[in-house]
Amino acid sequence: MTIQIAPLAALLIVVGYVVGFSVFKYTARTHGALGRGDLGTSIVSGAAVATLLALLLAPGFGQSPAPATPAPAPVVSTR
């Protein structure tokens, strides 16, 4: 079974991961040697960045395409 991921979705996953990891490392440095990084903030910031990028780069990302409307039947005059 092959799972295909769209390139934009893969980009969003990678960017969200990098932002979350960066926030985690930054909060670990600011708390000092005794503290650990803030895991909740890093997850939320990564998810927020990925969501905003999805909305900005691809409106309608993740939604199914709208069904095509059928063309109207031509009107034939019988006069």
N, C-alpha and C. Protein backbone atom coordinates (compact mmCIF):
# COMPACT_ATOMS: atom_id res chain seq x y z
N MET A 1 0.84 -1.17 0.00
CA MET A 1 0.00 0.00 0.00
C MET A 1 0.89 1.23 0.00
N THR A 2 0.64 2.14 -0.90
CA THR A 2 1.43 3.35 -1.01
C THR A 2 0.59 4.54 -0.57
N ILE A 3 1.15 5.34 0.30
CA ILE A 3 0.49 6.55 0.76
C ILE A 3 1.19 7.73 0.11
N GLN A 4 0.44 8.53 -0.61
CA GLN A 4 1.03 9.69 -1.27
C GLN A 4 0.64 10.95 -0.50
N ILE A 5 1.62 11.79 -0.23
CA ILE A 5 1.40 13.05 0.46
C ILE A 5 1.69 14.17 -0.53
N ALA A 6 0.79 15.10 -0.63
CA ALA A 6 0.97 16.24 -1.53
C ALA A 6 2.20 17.03 -1.09
N PRO A 7 2.93 17.60 -2.03
CA PRO A 7 4.14 18.36 -1.66
C PRO A 7 3.85 19.52 -0.71
N LEU A 8 2.73 20.20 -0.89
CA LEU A 8 2.39 21.30 0.01
C LEU A 8 2.14 20.79 1.42
N ALA A 9 1.48 19.66 1.55
CA ALA A 9 1.23 19.10 2.87
C ALA A 9 2.53 18.69 3.54
N ALA A 10 3.45 18.12 2.79
CA ALA A 10 4.75 17.75 3.35
C ALA A 10 5.52 18.99 3.80
N LEU A 11 5.45 20.05 3.01
CA LEU A 11 6.11 21.30 3.38
C LEU A 11 5.53 21.86 4.67
N LEU A 12 4.21 21.82 4.80
CA LEU A 12 3.58 22.32 6.02
C LEU A 12 3.96 21.51 7.24
N ILE A 13 4.07 20.19 7.09
CA ILE A 13 4.48 19.34 8.20
C ILE A 13 5.90 19.67 8.63
N VAL A 14 6.80 19.83 7.67
CA VAL A 14 8.19 20.12 7.98
C VAL A 14 8.33 21.49 8.63
N VAL A 15 7.68 22.50 8.09
CA VAL A 15 7.77 23.85 8.65
C VAL A 15 7.17 23.89 10.06
N GLY A 16 6.04 23.24 10.26
CA GLY A 16 5.44 23.18 11.59
C GLY A 16 6.34 22.49 12.60
N TYR A 17 7.01 21.42 12.18
CA TYR A 17 7.93 20.71 13.06
C TYR A 17 9.13 21.60 13.42
N VAL A 18 9.69 22.27 12.43
CA VAL A 18 10.87 23.12 12.67
C VAL A 18 10.52 24.27 13.61
N VAL A 19 9.37 24.90 13.41
CA VAL A 19 8.96 26.00 14.27
C VAL A 19 8.72 25.49 15.70
N GLY A 20 8.03 24.39 15.82
CA GLY A 20 7.78 23.83 17.16
C GLY A 20 9.05 23.44 17.88
N PHE A 21 10.00 22.85 17.16
CA PHE A 21 11.26 22.46 17.76
C PHE A 21 12.07 23.69 18.18
N SER A 22 12.04 24.73 17.33
CA SER A 22 12.76 25.96 17.65
C SER A 22 12.18 26.63 18.90
N VAL A 23 10.86 26.66 19.01
CA VAL A 23 10.22 27.25 20.19
C VAL A 23 10.57 26.43 21.43
N PHE A 24 10.57 25.11 21.30
CA PHE A 24 10.92 24.26 22.44
C PHE A 24 12.35 24.52 22.92
N LYS A 25 13.28 24.61 21.97
CA LYS A 25 14.68 24.87 22.34
C LYS A 25 14.84 26.26 22.95
N TYR A 26 14.13 27.25 22.39
CA TYR A 26 14.22 28.61 22.93
C TYR A 26 13.70 28.67 24.37
N THR A 27 12.56 28.02 24.63
CA THR A 27 12.02 28.04 25.99
C THR A 27 12.88 27.22 26.94
N ALA A 28 13.59 26.23 26.45
CA ALA A 28 14.49 25.46 27.31
C ALA A 28 15.69 26.33 27.73
N ARG A 29 16.17 27.18 26.83
CA ARG A 29 17.29 28.06 27.16
C ARG A 29 16.87 29.15 28.13
N THR A 30 15.66 29.67 28.01
CA THR A 30 15.24 30.78 28.86
C THR A 30 14.89 30.32 30.27
N HIS A 31 14.54 29.07 30.46
CA HIS A 31 14.21 28.58 31.80
C HIS A 31 15.46 28.26 32.62
N GLY A 32 16.60 28.18 32.00
CA GLY A 32 17.82 27.90 32.72
C GLY A 32 18.13 26.41 32.76
N ALA A 33 19.12 26.06 33.53
CA ALA A 33 19.59 24.67 33.57
C ALA A 33 18.59 23.75 34.26
N LEU A 34 17.82 24.28 35.19
CA LEU A 34 16.88 23.43 35.93
C LEU A 34 15.59 23.16 35.18
N GLY A 35 15.23 24.04 34.25
CA GLY A 35 13.94 23.91 33.56
C GLY A 35 14.05 23.14 32.26
N ARG A 36 12.91 22.72 31.81
CA ARG A 36 12.81 22.08 30.49
C ARG A 36 12.03 23.01 29.59
N GLY A 37 12.01 22.70 28.31
CA GLY A 37 11.27 23.53 27.36
C GLY A 37 9.78 23.40 27.56
N ASP A 38 9.05 24.36 27.08
CA ASP A 38 7.60 24.38 27.19
C ASP A 38 7.00 23.60 26.02
N LEU A 39 6.60 22.37 26.28
CA LEU A 39 6.11 21.49 25.23
C LEU A 39 4.77 21.96 24.66
N GLY A 40 3.89 22.45 25.51
CA GLY A 40 2.58 22.90 25.05
C GLY A 40 2.68 24.08 24.09
N THR A 41 3.53 25.03 24.45
CA THR A 41 3.70 26.20 23.58
C THR A 41 4.32 25.82 22.25
N SER A 42 5.26 24.89 22.28
CA SER A 42 5.91 24.49 21.03
C SER A 42 4.93 23.77 20.10
N ILE A 43 4.06 22.94 20.64
CA ILE A 43 3.07 22.24 19.82
C ILE A 43 2.06 23.22 19.24
N VAL A 44 1.59 24.13 20.07
CA VAL A 44 0.60 25.11 19.60
C VAL A 44 1.20 26.03 18.55
N SER A 45 2.42 26.48 18.75
CA SER A 45 3.03 27.39 17.78
C SER A 45 3.29 26.68 16.45
N GLY A 46 3.74 25.44 16.49
CA GLY A 46 3.95 24.69 15.25
C GLY A 46 2.66 24.46 14.50
N ALA A 47 1.60 24.11 15.22
CA ALA A 47 0.30 23.89 14.58
C ALA A 47 -0.27 25.19 14.03
N ALA A 48 -0.07 26.29 14.75
CA ALA A 48 -0.59 27.58 14.28
C ALA A 48 0.12 28.03 13.01
N VAL A 49 1.42 27.87 12.96
CA VAL A 49 2.18 28.27 11.77
C VAL A 49 1.77 27.40 10.58
N ALA A 50 1.64 26.10 10.78
CA ALA A 50 1.24 25.22 9.68
C ALA A 50 -0.16 25.55 9.19
N THR A 51 -1.07 25.87 10.10
CA THR A 51 -2.43 26.22 9.72
C THR A 51 -2.47 27.53 8.94
N LEU A 52 -1.74 28.53 9.43
CA LEU A 52 -1.73 29.81 8.72
C LEU A 52 -1.11 29.69 7.34
N LEU A 53 -0.05 28.92 7.22
CA LEU A 53 0.55 28.71 5.90
C LEU A 53 -0.40 28.00 4.96
N ALA A 54 -1.14 27.03 5.48
CA ALA A 54 -2.11 26.32 4.64
C ALA A 54 -3.20 27.27 4.15
N LEU A 55 -3.64 28.15 5.01
CA LEU A 55 -4.68 29.10 4.61
C LEU A 55 -4.16 30.14 3.62
N LEU A 56 -2.91 30.56 3.79
CA LEU A 56 -2.36 31.58 2.91
C LEU A 56 -1.90 31.03 1.57
N LEU A 57 -1.30 29.85 1.58
CA LEU A 57 -0.73 29.30 0.35
C LEU A 57 -1.75 28.60 -0.54
N ALA A 58 -2.75 28.01 0.06
CA ALA A 58 -3.71 27.24 -0.73
C ALA A 58 -5.11 27.40 -0.16
N PRO A 59 -5.84 28.41 -0.60
CA PRO A 59 -7.23 28.52 -0.13
C PRO A 59 -8.02 27.27 -0.52
N GLY A 60 -8.73 26.71 0.40
CA GLY A 60 -9.47 25.48 0.14
C GLY A 60 -8.63 24.24 0.31
N PHE A 61 -7.46 24.35 0.95
CA PHE A 61 -6.57 23.21 1.15
C PHE A 61 -7.26 22.16 2.01
N GLY A 62 -7.26 20.92 1.55
CA GLY A 62 -7.86 19.83 2.30
C GLY A 62 -9.34 19.63 2.04
N GLN A 63 -9.93 20.45 1.21
CA GLN A 63 -11.34 20.29 0.90
C GLN A 63 -11.49 19.61 -0.44
N SER A 64 -12.58 18.87 -0.57
CA SER A 64 -12.81 18.21 -1.85
C SER A 64 -13.24 19.24 -2.89
N PRO A 65 -12.89 19.02 -4.14
CA PRO A 65 -13.27 19.99 -5.17
C PRO A 65 -14.78 20.03 -5.34
N ALA A 66 -15.28 21.20 -5.73
CA ALA A 66 -16.72 21.36 -5.92
C ALA A 66 -17.17 20.54 -7.12
N PRO A 67 -18.34 19.94 -7.03
CA PRO A 67 -18.83 19.16 -8.17
C PRO A 67 -19.10 20.08 -9.37
N ALA A 68 -18.83 19.56 -10.52
CA ALA A 68 -19.05 20.34 -11.75
C ALA A 68 -20.55 20.46 -12.01
N THR A 69 -20.97 21.66 -12.36
CA THR A 69 -22.39 21.85 -12.68
C THR A 69 -22.60 21.47 -14.14
N PRO A 70 -23.66 20.75 -14.43
CA PRO A 70 -23.90 20.36 -15.83
C PRO A 70 -24.28 21.58 -16.67
N ALA A 71 -23.88 21.54 -17.90
CA ALA A 71 -24.22 22.62 -18.83
C ALA A 71 -25.71 22.60 -19.12
N PRO A 72 -26.32 23.77 -19.26
CA PRO A 72 -27.75 23.77 -19.57
C PRO A 72 -28.02 23.21 -20.96
N ALA A 73 -29.14 22.55 -21.07
CA ALA A 73 -29.52 21.95 -22.37
C ALA A 73 -29.82 23.07 -23.36
N PRO A 74 -29.40 22.90 -24.60
CA PRO A 74 -29.69 23.92 -25.60
C PRO A 74 -31.19 23.98 -25.90
N VAL A 75 -31.66 25.18 -26.12
CA VAL A 75 -33.07 25.38 -26.42
C VAL A 75 -33.26 25.26 -27.94
N VAL A 76 -34.15 24.37 -28.34
CA VAL A 76 -34.40 24.14 -29.76
C VAL A 76 -35.78 24.68 -30.09
N SER A 77 -35.84 25.53 -31.07
CA SER A 77 -37.12 26.10 -31.51
C SER A 77 -37.79 25.16 -32.51
N THR A 78 -39.07 24.91 -32.35
CA THR A 78 -39.78 24.00 -33.25
C THR A 78 -40.67 24.77 -34.22
N ARG A 79 -40.53 26.02 -34.40
CA ARG A 79 -41.36 26.80 -35.32
C ARG A 79 -40.90 26.70 -36.71
